[in-house]
mmCIF file of all heavy atoms, coordinates in Angstrom:
data_MODEL
# 
_entry.id   MODEL 
# 
loop_
_atom_site.group_PDB 
_atom_site.id 
_atom_site.type_symbol 
_atom_site.label_atom_id 
_atom_site.label_alt_id 
_atom_site.label_comp_id 
_atom_site.label_asym_id 
_atom_site.label_entity_id 
_atom_site.label_seq_id 
_atom_site.pdbx_PDB_ins_code 
_atom_site.Cartn_x 
_atom_site.Cartn_y 
_atom_site.Cartn_z 
_atom_site.occupancy 
_atom_site.B_iso_or_equiv 
_atom_site.pdbx_formal_charge 
_atom_site.auth_seq_id 
_atom_site.auth_comp_id 
_atom_site.auth_asym_id 
_atom_site.auth_atom_id 
_atom_site.pdbx_PDB_model_num 
ATOM 1   N N   . GLN A 1 1  ? -5.244 -18.240 0.256  1.00 0.00 ? 1  GLN A N   1 
ATOM 2   C CA  . GLN A 1 1  ? -5.925 -16.954 0.136  1.00 0.00 ? 1  GLN A CA  1 
ATOM 3   C C   . GLN A 1 1  ? -4.938 -15.794 0.243  1.00 0.00 ? 1  GLN A C   1 
ATOM 4   O O   . GLN A 1 1  ? -5.066 -14.783 -0.467 1.00 0.00 ? 1  GLN A O   1 
ATOM 5   C CB  . GLN A 1 1  ? -7.002 -16.837 1.225  1.00 0.00 ? 1  GLN A CB  1 
ATOM 6   C CG  . GLN A 1 1  ? -7.862 -15.595 1.128  1.00 0.00 ? 1  GLN A CG  1 
ATOM 7   C CD  . GLN A 1 1  ? -8.789 -15.637 -0.079 1.00 0.00 ? 1  GLN A CD  1 
ATOM 8   O OE1 . GLN A 1 1  ? -9.075 -16.714 -0.619 1.00 0.00 ? 1  GLN A OE1 1 
ATOM 9   N NE2 . GLN A 1 1  ? -9.255 -14.477 -0.515 1.00 0.00 ? 1  GLN A NE2 1 
ATOM 10  N N   . LEU A 1 2  ? -3.951 -15.938 1.107  1.00 0.00 ? 2  LEU A N   1 
ATOM 11  C CA  . LEU A 1 2  ? -2.937 -14.896 1.225  1.00 0.00 ? 2  LEU A CA  1 
ATOM 12  C C   . LEU A 1 2  ? -2.087 -14.813 -0.047 1.00 0.00 ? 2  LEU A C   1 
ATOM 13  O O   . LEU A 1 2  ? -1.609 -13.735 -0.411 1.00 0.00 ? 2  LEU A O   1 
ATOM 14  C CB  . LEU A 1 2  ? -2.049 -15.144 2.441  1.00 0.00 ? 2  LEU A CB  1 
ATOM 15  C CG  . LEU A 1 2  ? -2.722 -15.028 3.813  1.00 0.00 ? 2  LEU A CG  1 
ATOM 16  C CD1 . LEU A 1 2  ? -1.714 -15.247 4.918  1.00 0.00 ? 2  LEU A CD1 1 
ATOM 17  C CD2 . LEU A 1 2  ? -3.429 -13.693 3.976  1.00 0.00 ? 2  LEU A CD2 1 
ATOM 18  N N   . GLY A 1 3  ? -1.891 -15.941 -0.700 1.00 0.00 ? 3  GLY A N   1 
ATOM 19  C CA  . GLY A 1 3  ? -1.196 -15.925 -1.977 1.00 0.00 ? 3  GLY A CA  1 
ATOM 20  C C   . GLY A 1 3  ? -1.976 -15.166 -3.027 1.00 0.00 ? 3  GLY A C   1 
ATOM 21  O O   . GLY A 1 3  ? -1.401 -14.425 -3.843 1.00 0.00 ? 3  GLY A O   1 
ATOM 22  N N   . ALA A 1 4  ? -3.313 -15.319 -3.024 1.00 0.00 ? 4  ALA A N   1 
ATOM 23  C CA  . ALA A 1 4  ? -4.143 -14.556 -3.957 1.00 0.00 ? 4  ALA A CA  1 
ATOM 24  C C   . ALA A 1 4  ? -4.151 -13.077 -3.604 1.00 0.00 ? 4  ALA A C   1 
ATOM 25  O O   . ALA A 1 4  ? -4.177 -12.213 -4.490 1.00 0.00 ? 4  ALA A O   1 
ATOM 26  C CB  . ALA A 1 4  ? -5.568 -15.106 -3.945 1.00 0.00 ? 4  ALA A CB  1 
ATOM 27  N N   . LEU A 1 5  ? -4.105 -12.789 -2.305 1.00 0.00 ? 5  LEU A N   1 
ATOM 28  C CA  . LEU A 1 5  ? -4.068 -11.395 -1.878 1.00 0.00 ? 5  LEU A CA  1 
ATOM 29  C C   . LEU A 1 5  ? -2.781 -10.714 -2.328 1.00 0.00 ? 5  LEU A C   1 
ATOM 30  O O   . LEU A 1 5  ? -2.787 -9.512  -2.649 1.00 0.00 ? 5  LEU A O   1 
ATOM 31  C CB  . LEU A 1 5  ? -4.206 -11.325 -0.358 1.00 0.00 ? 5  LEU A CB  1 
ATOM 32  C CG  . LEU A 1 5  ? -4.156 -9.937  0.286  1.00 0.00 ? 5  LEU A CG  1 
ATOM 33  C CD1 . LEU A 1 5  ? -5.295 -9.062  -0.230 1.00 0.00 ? 5  LEU A CD1 1 
ATOM 34  C CD2 . LEU A 1 5  ? -4.209 -10.052 1.806  1.00 0.00 ? 5  LEU A CD2 1 
ATOM 35  N N   . ARG A 1 6  ? -1.717 -11.467 -2.364 1.00 0.00 ? 6  ARG A N   1 
ATOM 36  C CA  . ARG A 1 6  ? -0.445 -10.907 -2.813 1.00 0.00 ? 6  ARG A CA  1 
ATOM 37  C C   . ARG A 1 6  ? -0.531 -10.404 -4.252 1.00 0.00 ? 6  ARG A C   1 
ATOM 38  O O   . ARG A 1 6  ? 0.109  -9.420  -4.612 1.00 0.00 ? 6  ARG A O   1 
ATOM 39  C CB  . ARG A 1 6  ? 0.648  -11.971 -2.680 1.00 0.00 ? 6  ARG A CB  1 
ATOM 40  C CG  . ARG A 1 6  ? 2.038  -11.511 -3.049 1.00 0.00 ? 6  ARG A CG  1 
ATOM 41  C CD  . ARG A 1 6  ? 3.046  -12.593 -2.766 1.00 0.00 ? 6  ARG A CD  1 
ATOM 42  N NE  . ARG A 1 6  ? 2.699  -13.860 -3.409 1.00 0.00 ? 6  ARG A NE  1 
ATOM 43  C CZ  . ARG A 1 6  ? 3.392  -14.987 -3.257 1.00 0.00 ? 6  ARG A CZ  1 
ATOM 44  N NH1 . ARG A 1 6  ? 4.444  -15.011 -2.475 1.00 0.00 ? 6  ARG A NH1 1 
ATOM 45  N NH2 . ARG A 1 6  ? 3.003  -16.088 -3.880 1.00 0.00 ? 6  ARG A NH2 1 
ATOM 46  N N   . GLN A 1 7  ? -1.329 -11.061 -5.087 1.00 0.00 ? 7  GLN A N   1 
ATOM 47  C CA  . GLN A 1 7  ? -1.472 -10.635 -6.469 1.00 0.00 ? 7  GLN A CA  1 
ATOM 48  C C   . GLN A 1 7  ? -2.283 -9.350  -6.601 1.00 0.00 ? 7  GLN A C   1 
ATOM 49  O O   . GLN A 1 7  ? -2.226 -8.677  -7.638 1.00 0.00 ? 7  GLN A O   1 
ATOM 50  C CB  . GLN A 1 7  ? -2.142 -11.752 -7.284 1.00 0.00 ? 7  GLN A CB  1 
ATOM 51  C CG  . GLN A 1 7  ? -1.434 -13.101 -7.202 1.00 0.00 ? 7  GLN A CG  1 
ATOM 52  C CD  . GLN A 1 7  ? -0.017 -13.055 -7.737 1.00 0.00 ? 7  GLN A CD  1 
ATOM 53  O OE1 . GLN A 1 7  ? 0.269  -12.314 -8.691 1.00 0.00 ? 7  GLN A OE1 1 
ATOM 54  N NE2 . GLN A 1 7  ? 0.889  -13.830 -7.141 1.00 0.00 ? 7  GLN A NE2 1 
ATOM 55  N N   . GLN A 1 8  ? -3.044 -9.010  -5.559 1.00 0.00 ? 8  GLN A N   1 
ATOM 56  C CA  . GLN A 1 8  ? -3.896 -7.829  -5.627 1.00 0.00 ? 8  GLN A CA  1 
ATOM 57  C C   . GLN A 1 8  ? -3.194 -6.562  -5.157 1.00 0.00 ? 8  GLN A C   1 
ATOM 58  O O   . GLN A 1 8  ? -3.755 -5.470  -5.289 1.00 0.00 ? 8  GLN A O   1 
ATOM 59  C CB  . GLN A 1 8  ? -5.152 -8.053  -4.774 1.00 0.00 ? 8  GLN A CB  1 
ATOM 60  C CG  . GLN A 1 8  ? -5.983 -9.245  -5.204 1.00 0.00 ? 8  GLN A CG  1 
ATOM 61  C CD  . GLN A 1 8  ? -7.132 -9.519  -4.246 1.00 0.00 ? 8  GLN A CD  1 
ATOM 62  O OE1 . GLN A 1 8  ? -7.389 -8.733  -3.327 1.00 0.00 ? 8  GLN A OE1 1 
ATOM 63  N NE2 . GLN A 1 8  ? -7.829 -10.629 -4.449 1.00 0.00 ? 8  GLN A NE2 1 
ATOM 64  N N   . ILE A 1 9  ? -1.996 -6.707  -4.589 1.00 0.00 ? 9  ILE A N   1 
ATOM 65  C CA  . ILE A 1 9  ? -1.280 -5.549  -4.056 1.00 0.00 ? 9  ILE A CA  1 
ATOM 66  C C   . ILE A 1 9  ? -0.191 -5.156  -5.047 1.00 0.00 ? 9  ILE A C   1 
ATOM 67  O O   . ILE A 1 9  ? 0.732  -5.939  -5.293 1.00 0.00 ? 9  ILE A O   1 
ATOM 68  C CB  . ILE A 1 9  ? -0.680 -5.871  -2.682 1.00 0.00 ? 9  ILE A CB  1 
ATOM 69  C CG1 . ILE A 1 9  ? -1.807 -6.245  -1.708 1.00 0.00 ? 9  ILE A CG1 1 
ATOM 70  C CG2 . ILE A 1 9  ? 0.122  -4.697  -2.146 1.00 0.00 ? 9  ILE A CG2 1 
ATOM 71  C CD1 . ILE A 1 9  ? -1.330 -6.641  -0.342 1.00 0.00 ? 9  ILE A CD1 1 
ATOM 72  N N   . PRO A 1 10 ? -0.274 -3.977  -5.656 1.00 0.00 ? 10 PRO A N   1 
ATOM 73  C CA  . PRO A 1 10 ? 0.720  -3.582  -6.672 1.00 0.00 ? 10 PRO A CA  1 
ATOM 74  C C   . PRO A 1 10 ? 2.138  -3.520  -6.119 1.00 0.00 ? 10 PRO A C   1 
ATOM 75  O O   . PRO A 1 10 ? 3.065  -4.069  -6.721 1.00 0.00 ? 10 PRO A O   1 
ATOM 76  C CB  . PRO A 1 10 ? 0.218  -2.200  -7.121 1.00 0.00 ? 10 PRO A CB  1 
ATOM 77  C CG  . PRO A 1 10 ? -1.215 -2.152  -6.723 1.00 0.00 ? 10 PRO A CG  1 
ATOM 78  C CD  . PRO A 1 10 ? -1.327 -2.976  -5.489 1.00 0.00 ? 10 PRO A CD  1 
ATOM 79  N N   . LYS A 1 11 ? 2.307  -2.872  -4.984 1.00 0.00 ? 11 LYS A N   1 
ATOM 80  C CA  . LYS A 1 11 ? 3.630  -2.715  -4.390 1.00 0.00 ? 11 LYS A CA  1 
ATOM 81  C C   . LYS A 1 11 ? 3.751  -3.657  -3.195 1.00 0.00 ? 11 LYS A C   1 
ATOM 82  O O   . LYS A 1 11 ? 3.535  -3.270  -2.047 1.00 0.00 ? 11 LYS A O   1 
ATOM 83  C CB  . LYS A 1 11 ? 3.864  -1.266  -3.975 1.00 0.00 ? 11 LYS A CB  1 
ATOM 84  C CG  . LYS A 1 11 ? 3.851  -0.280  -5.145 1.00 0.00 ? 11 LYS A CG  1 
ATOM 85  C CD  . LYS A 1 11 ? 4.098  1.135   -4.658 1.00 0.00 ? 11 LYS A CD  1 
ATOM 86  C CE  . LYS A 1 11 ? 4.097  2.119   -5.820 1.00 0.00 ? 11 LYS A CE  1 
ATOM 87  N NZ  . LYS A 1 11 ? 4.333  3.519   -5.369 1.00 0.00 ? 11 LYS A NZ  1 
ATOM 88  N N   . ILE A 1 12 ? 4.056  -4.919  -3.487 1.00 0.00 ? 12 ILE A N   1 
ATOM 89  C CA  . ILE A 1 12 ? 4.127  -5.921  -2.442 1.00 0.00 ? 12 ILE A CA  1 
ATOM 90  C C   . ILE A 1 12 ? 5.290  -5.646  -1.492 1.00 0.00 ? 12 ILE A C   1 
ATOM 91  O O   . ILE A 1 12 ? 5.295  -6.097  -0.341 1.00 0.00 ? 12 ILE A O   1 
ATOM 92  C CB  . ILE A 1 12 ? 4.240  -7.336  -3.054 1.00 0.00 ? 12 ILE A CB  1 
ATOM 93  C CG1 . ILE A 1 12 ? 3.995  -8.414  -1.988 1.00 0.00 ? 12 ILE A CG1 1 
ATOM 94  C CG2 . ILE A 1 12 ? 5.587  -7.515  -3.734 1.00 0.00 ? 12 ILE A CG2 1 
ATOM 95  C CD1 . ILE A 1 12 ? 2.622  -8.374  -1.374 1.00 0.00 ? 12 ILE A CD1 1 
ATOM 96  N N   . GLN A 1 13 ? 6.295  -4.873  -1.948 1.00 0.00 ? 13 GLN A N   1 
ATOM 97  C CA  . GLN A 1 13 ? 7.425  -4.557  -1.079 1.00 0.00 ? 13 GLN A CA  1 
ATOM 98  C C   . GLN A 1 13 ? 6.985  -3.715  0.114  1.00 0.00 ? 13 GLN A C   1 
ATOM 99  O O   . GLN A 1 13 ? 7.635  -3.735  1.163  1.00 0.00 ? 13 GLN A O   1 
ATOM 100 C CB  . GLN A 1 13 ? 8.511  -3.804  -1.862 1.00 0.00 ? 13 GLN A CB  1 
ATOM 101 C CG  . GLN A 1 13 ? 9.160  -4.606  -2.984 1.00 0.00 ? 13 GLN A CG  1 
ATOM 102 C CD  . GLN A 1 13 ? 8.333  -4.592  -4.260 1.00 0.00 ? 13 GLN A CD  1 
ATOM 103 O OE1 . GLN A 1 13 ? 7.272  -3.954  -4.310 1.00 0.00 ? 13 GLN A OE1 1 
ATOM 104 N NE2 . GLN A 1 13 ? 8.808  -5.295  -5.281 1.00 0.00 ? 13 GLN A NE2 1 
ATOM 105 N N   . ALA A 1 14 ? 5.878  -3.003  -0.043 1.00 0.00 ? 14 ALA A N   1 
ATOM 106 C CA  . ALA A 1 14 ? 5.368  -2.186  1.054  1.00 0.00 ? 14 ALA A CA  1 
ATOM 107 C C   . ALA A 1 14 ? 4.585  -2.998  2.072  1.00 0.00 ? 14 ALA A C   1 
ATOM 108 O O   . ALA A 1 14 ? 4.120  -2.444  3.074  1.00 0.00 ? 14 ALA A O   1 
ATOM 109 C CB  . ALA A 1 14 ? 4.488  -1.059  0.509  1.00 0.00 ? 14 ALA A CB  1 
ATOM 110 N N   . PHE A 1 15 ? 4.429  -4.291  1.825  1.00 0.00 ? 15 PHE A N   1 
ATOM 111 C CA  . PHE A 1 15 ? 3.647  -5.151  2.724  1.00 0.00 ? 15 PHE A CA  1 
ATOM 112 C C   . PHE A 1 15 ? 4.436  -6.420  3.028  1.00 0.00 ? 15 PHE A C   1 
ATOM 113 O O   . PHE A 1 15 ? 4.014  -7.529  2.701  1.00 0.00 ? 15 PHE A O   1 
ATOM 114 C CB  . PHE A 1 15 ? 2.307  -5.479  2.066  1.00 0.00 ? 15 PHE A CB  1 
ATOM 115 C CG  . PHE A 1 15 ? 1.282  -6.052  3.008  1.00 0.00 ? 15 PHE A CG  1 
ATOM 116 C CD1 . PHE A 1 15 ? 1.337  -5.830  4.370  1.00 0.00 ? 15 PHE A CD1 1 
ATOM 117 C CD2 . PHE A 1 15 ? 0.246  -6.824  2.505  1.00 0.00 ? 15 PHE A CD2 1 
ATOM 118 C CE1 . PHE A 1 15 ? 0.396  -6.363  5.217  1.00 0.00 ? 15 PHE A CE1 1 
ATOM 119 C CE2 . PHE A 1 15 ? -0.704 -7.355  3.339  1.00 0.00 ? 15 PHE A CE2 1 
ATOM 120 C CZ  . PHE A 1 15 ? -0.636 -7.126  4.707  1.00 0.00 ? 15 PHE A CZ  1 
ATOM 121 N N   . PRO A 1 16 ? 5.588  -6.308  3.691  1.00 0.00 ? 16 PRO A N   1 
ATOM 122 C CA  . PRO A 1 16 ? 6.398  -7.508  3.975  1.00 0.00 ? 16 PRO A CA  1 
ATOM 123 C C   . PRO A 1 16 ? 5.736  -8.447  4.977  1.00 0.00 ? 16 PRO A C   1 
ATOM 124 O O   . PRO A 1 16 ? 6.083  -9.632  5.046  1.00 0.00 ? 16 PRO A O   1 
ATOM 125 C CB  . PRO A 1 16 ? 7.701  -6.929  4.543  1.00 0.00 ? 16 PRO A CB  1 
ATOM 126 C CG  . PRO A 1 16 ? 7.302  -5.604  5.118  1.00 0.00 ? 16 PRO A CG  1 
ATOM 127 C CD  . PRO A 1 16 ? 6.214  -5.084  4.237  1.00 0.00 ? 16 PRO A CD  1 
ATOM 128 N N   . GLU A 1 17 ? 4.779  -7.944  5.738  1.00 0.00 ? 17 GLU A N   1 
ATOM 129 C CA  . GLU A 1 17 ? 4.100  -8.784  6.722  1.00 0.00 ? 17 GLU A CA  1 
ATOM 130 C C   . GLU A 1 17 ? 3.329  -9.924  6.063  1.00 0.00 ? 17 GLU A C   1 
ATOM 131 O O   . GLU A 1 17 ? 3.097  -10.968 6.697  1.00 0.00 ? 17 GLU A O   1 
ATOM 132 C CB  . GLU A 1 17 ? 3.138  -7.937  7.569  1.00 0.00 ? 17 GLU A CB  1 
ATOM 133 C CG  . GLU A 1 17 ? 3.810  -6.918  8.457  1.00 0.00 ? 17 GLU A CG  1 
ATOM 134 C CD  . GLU A 1 17 ? 4.120  -5.627  7.732  1.00 0.00 ? 17 GLU A CD  1 
ATOM 135 O OE1 . GLU A 1 17 ? 3.804  -5.547  6.510  1.00 0.00 ? 17 GLU A OE1 1 
ATOM 136 O OE2 . GLU A 1 17 ? 4.650  -4.698  8.364  1.00 0.00 ? 17 GLU A OE2 1 
ATOM 137 N N   . LEU A 1 18 ? 2.934  -9.739  4.813  1.00 0.00 ? 18 LEU A N   1 
ATOM 138 C CA  . LEU A 1 18 ? 2.150  -10.767 4.130  1.00 0.00 ? 18 LEU A CA  1 
ATOM 139 C C   . LEU A 1 18 ? 2.970  -12.035 3.912  1.00 0.00 ? 18 LEU A C   1 
ATOM 140 O O   . LEU A 1 18 ? 2.529  -13.146 4.247  1.00 0.00 ? 18 LEU A O   1 
ATOM 141 C CB  . LEU A 1 18 ? 1.630  -10.235 2.797  1.00 0.00 ? 18 LEU A CB  1 
ATOM 142 C CG  . LEU A 1 18 ? 0.788  -11.208 1.969  1.00 0.00 ? 18 LEU A CG  1 
ATOM 143 C CD1 . LEU A 1 18 ? -0.447 -11.642 2.744  1.00 0.00 ? 18 LEU A CD1 1 
ATOM 144 C CD2 . LEU A 1 18 ? 0.390  -10.568 0.645  1.00 0.00 ? 18 LEU A CD2 1 
ATOM 145 N N   . GLU A 1 19 ? 4.162  -11.888 3.353  1.00 0.00 ? 19 GLU A N   1 
ATOM 146 C CA  . GLU A 1 19 ? 5.000  -13.059 3.112  1.00 0.00 ? 19 GLU A CA  1 
ATOM 147 C C   . GLU A 1 19 ? 5.456  -13.671 4.423  1.00 0.00 ? 19 GLU A C   1 
ATOM 148 O O   . GLU A 1 19 ? 5.575  -14.899 4.542  1.00 0.00 ? 19 GLU A O   1 
ATOM 149 C CB  . GLU A 1 19 ? 6.205  -12.663 2.258  1.00 0.00 ? 19 GLU A CB  1 
ATOM 150 C CG  . GLU A 1 19 ? 7.017  -13.845 1.753  1.00 0.00 ? 19 GLU A CG  1 
ATOM 151 C CD  . GLU A 1 19 ? 6.187  -14.782 0.884  1.00 0.00 ? 19 GLU A CD  1 
ATOM 152 O OE1 . GLU A 1 19 ? 5.257  -14.299 0.198  1.00 0.00 ? 19 GLU A OE1 1 
ATOM 153 O OE2 . GLU A 1 19 ? 6.468  -15.997 0.906  1.00 0.00 ? 19 GLU A OE2 1 
ATOM 154 N N   . ARG A 1 20 ? 5.692  -12.837 5.424  1.00 0.00 ? 20 ARG A N   1 
ATOM 155 C CA  . ARG A 1 20 ? 6.070  -13.355 6.732  1.00 0.00 ? 20 ARG A CA  1 
ATOM 156 C C   . ARG A 1 20 ? 4.938  -14.180 7.344  1.00 0.00 ? 20 ARG A C   1 
ATOM 157 O O   . ARG A 1 20 ? 5.171  -15.214 7.968  1.00 0.00 ? 20 ARG A O   1 
ATOM 158 C CB  . ARG A 1 20 ? 6.444  -12.199 7.661  1.00 0.00 ? 20 ARG A CB  1 
ATOM 159 C CG  . ARG A 1 20 ? 7.121  -12.630 8.955  1.00 0.00 ? 20 ARG A CG  1 
ATOM 160 C CD  . ARG A 1 20 ? 7.481  -11.428 9.814  1.00 0.00 ? 20 ARG A CD  1 
ATOM 161 N NE  . ARG A 1 20 ? 8.303  -10.484 9.068  1.00 0.00 ? 20 ARG A NE  1 
ATOM 162 C CZ  . ARG A 1 20 ? 7.992  -9.208  8.899  1.00 0.00 ? 20 ARG A CZ  1 
ATOM 163 N NH1 . ARG A 1 20 ? 6.872  -8.719  9.412  1.00 0.00 ? 20 ARG A NH1 1 
ATOM 164 N NH2 . ARG A 1 20 ? 8.797  -8.408  8.223  1.00 0.00 ? 20 ARG A NH2 1 
ATOM 165 N N   . ALA A 1 21 ? 3.703  -13.726 7.120  1.00 0.00 ? 21 ALA A N   1 
ATOM 166 C CA  . ALA A 1 21 ? 2.551  -14.473 7.634  1.00 0.00 ? 21 ALA A CA  1 
ATOM 167 C C   . ALA A 1 21 ? 2.419  -15.826 6.942  1.00 0.00 ? 21 ALA A C   1 
ATOM 168 O O   . ALA A 1 21 ? 2.099  -16.834 7.588  1.00 0.00 ? 21 ALA A O   1 
ATOM 169 C CB  . ALA A 1 21 ? 1.277  -13.654 7.440  1.00 0.00 ? 21 ALA A CB  1 
ATOM 170 N N   . ARG A 1 22 ? 2.673  -15.869 5.656  1.00 0.00 ? 22 ARG A N   1 
ATOM 171 C CA  . ARG A 1 22 ? 2.598  -17.141 4.929  1.00 0.00 ? 22 ARG A CA  1 
ATOM 172 C C   . ARG A 1 22 ? 3.672  -18.112 5.418  1.00 0.00 ? 22 ARG A C   1 
ATOM 173 O O   . ARG A 1 22 ? 3.437  -19.320 5.534  1.00 0.00 ? 22 ARG A O   1 
ATOM 174 C CB  . ARG A 1 22 ? 2.726  -16.902 3.422  1.00 0.00 ? 22 ARG A CB  1 
ATOM 175 C CG  . ARG A 1 22 ? 1.619  -16.036 2.848  1.00 0.00 ? 22 ARG A CG  1 
ATOM 176 C CD  . ARG A 1 22 ? 1.730  -15.875 1.342  1.00 0.00 ? 22 ARG A CD  1 
ATOM 177 N NE  . ARG A 1 22 ? 1.156  -17.016 0.650  1.00 0.00 ? 22 ARG A NE  1 
ATOM 178 C CZ  . ARG A 1 22 ? 1.777  -17.743 -0.267 1.00 0.00 ? 22 ARG A CZ  1 
ATOM 179 N NH1 . ARG A 1 22 ? 3.048  -17.465 -0.573 1.00 0.00 ? 22 ARG A NH1 1 
ATOM 180 N NH2 . ARG A 1 22 ? 1.180  -18.740 -0.870 1.00 0.00 ? 22 ARG A NH2 1 
ATOM 181 N N   . GLN A 1 23 ? 4.852  -17.596 5.718  1.00 0.00 ? 23 GLN A N   1 
ATOM 182 C CA  . GLN A 1 23 ? 5.901  -18.452 6.260  1.00 0.00 ? 23 GLN A CA  1 
ATOM 183 C C   . GLN A 1 23 ? 5.535  -18.960 7.649  1.00 0.00 ? 23 GLN A C   1 
ATOM 184 O O   . GLN A 1 23 ? 5.793  -20.128 7.980  1.00 0.00 ? 23 GLN A O   1 
ATOM 185 C CB  . GLN A 1 23 ? 7.226  -17.686 6.295  1.00 0.00 ? 23 GLN A CB  1 
ATOM 186 C CG  . GLN A 1 23 ? 7.773  -17.326 4.919  1.00 0.00 ? 23 GLN A CG  1 
ATOM 187 C CD  . GLN A 1 23 ? 9.010  -16.457 4.994  1.00 0.00 ? 23 GLN A CD  1 
ATOM 188 O OE1 . GLN A 1 23 ? 9.468  -16.081 6.077  1.00 0.00 ? 23 GLN A OE1 1 
ATOM 189 N NE2 . GLN A 1 23 ? 9.572  -16.112 3.841  1.00 0.00 ? 23 GLN A NE2 1 
ATOM 190 N N   . ASN A 1 24 ? 4.925  -18.102 8.459  1.00 0.00 ? 24 ASN A N   1 
ATOM 191 C CA  . ASN A 1 24 ? 4.501  -18.526 9.798  1.00 0.00 ? 24 ASN A CA  1 
ATOM 192 C C   . ASN A 1 24 ? 3.434  -19.613 9.717  1.00 0.00 ? 24 ASN A C   1 
ATOM 193 O O   . ASN A 1 24 ? 3.414  -20.548 10.530 1.00 0.00 ? 24 ASN A O   1 
ATOM 194 C CB  . ASN A 1 24 ? 3.970  -17.327 10.588 1.00 0.00 ? 24 ASN A CB  1 
ATOM 195 C CG  . ASN A 1 24 ? 5.066  -16.340 10.942 1.00 0.00 ? 24 ASN A CG  1 
ATOM 196 O OD1 . ASN A 1 24 ? 6.244  -16.693 10.988 1.00 0.00 ? 24 ASN A OD1 1 
ATOM 197 N ND2 . ASN A 1 24 ? 4.685  -15.099 11.199 1.00 0.00 ? 24 ASN A ND2 1 
ATOM 198 N N   . ILE A 1 25 ? 2.537  -19.470 8.744  1.00 0.00 ? 25 ILE A N   1 
ATOM 199 C CA  . ILE A 1 25 ? 1.488  -20.474 8.582  1.00 0.00 ? 25 ILE A CA  1 
ATOM 200 C C   . ILE A 1 25 ? 2.097  -21.827 8.227  1.00 0.00 ? 25 ILE A C   1 
ATOM 201 O O   . ILE A 1 25 ? 1.676  -22.874 8.741  1.00 0.00 ? 25 ILE A O   1 
ATOM 202 C CB  . ILE A 1 25 ? 0.486  -20.021 7.506  1.00 0.00 ? 25 ILE A CB  1 
ATOM 203 C CG1 . ILE A 1 25 ? -0.367 -18.873 8.040  1.00 0.00 ? 25 ILE A CG1 1 
ATOM 204 C CG2 . ILE A 1 25 ? -0.411 -21.175 7.067  1.00 0.00 ? 25 ILE A CG2 1 
ATOM 205 C CD1 . ILE A 1 25 ? -1.310 -18.281 7.019  1.00 0.00 ? 25 ILE A CD1 1 
ATOM 206 N N   . GLN A 1 26 ? 3.104  -21.820 7.356  1.00 0.00 ? 26 GLN A N   1 
ATOM 207 C CA  . GLN A 1 26 ? 3.769  -23.067 7.014  1.00 0.00 ? 26 GLN A CA  1 
ATOM 208 C C   . GLN A 1 26 ? 4.430  -23.693 8.249  1.00 0.00 ? 26 GLN A C   1 
ATOM 209 O O   . GLN A 1 26 ? 4.393  -24.911 8.433  1.00 0.00 ? 26 GLN A O   1 
ATOM 210 C CB  . GLN A 1 26 ? 4.818  -22.822 5.929  1.00 0.00 ? 26 GLN A CB  1 
ATOM 211 C CG  . GLN A 1 26 ? 4.228  -22.512 4.559  1.00 0.00 ? 26 GLN A CG  1 
ATOM 212 C CD  . GLN A 1 26 ? 3.534  -23.708 3.942  1.00 0.00 ? 26 GLN A CD  1 
ATOM 213 O OE1 . GLN A 1 26 ? 2.425  -24.070 4.330  1.00 0.00 ? 26 GLN A OE1 1 
ATOM 214 N NE2 . GLN A 1 26 ? 4.173  -24.328 2.975  1.00 0.00 ? 26 GLN A NE2 1 
# 
């Protein structure tokens, strides 16, 4: 779901917490 959310954010660079959260989940 977080991967799908990443596609909805135009400027993903402004939201580095998202990718960090996905790494933490792994």
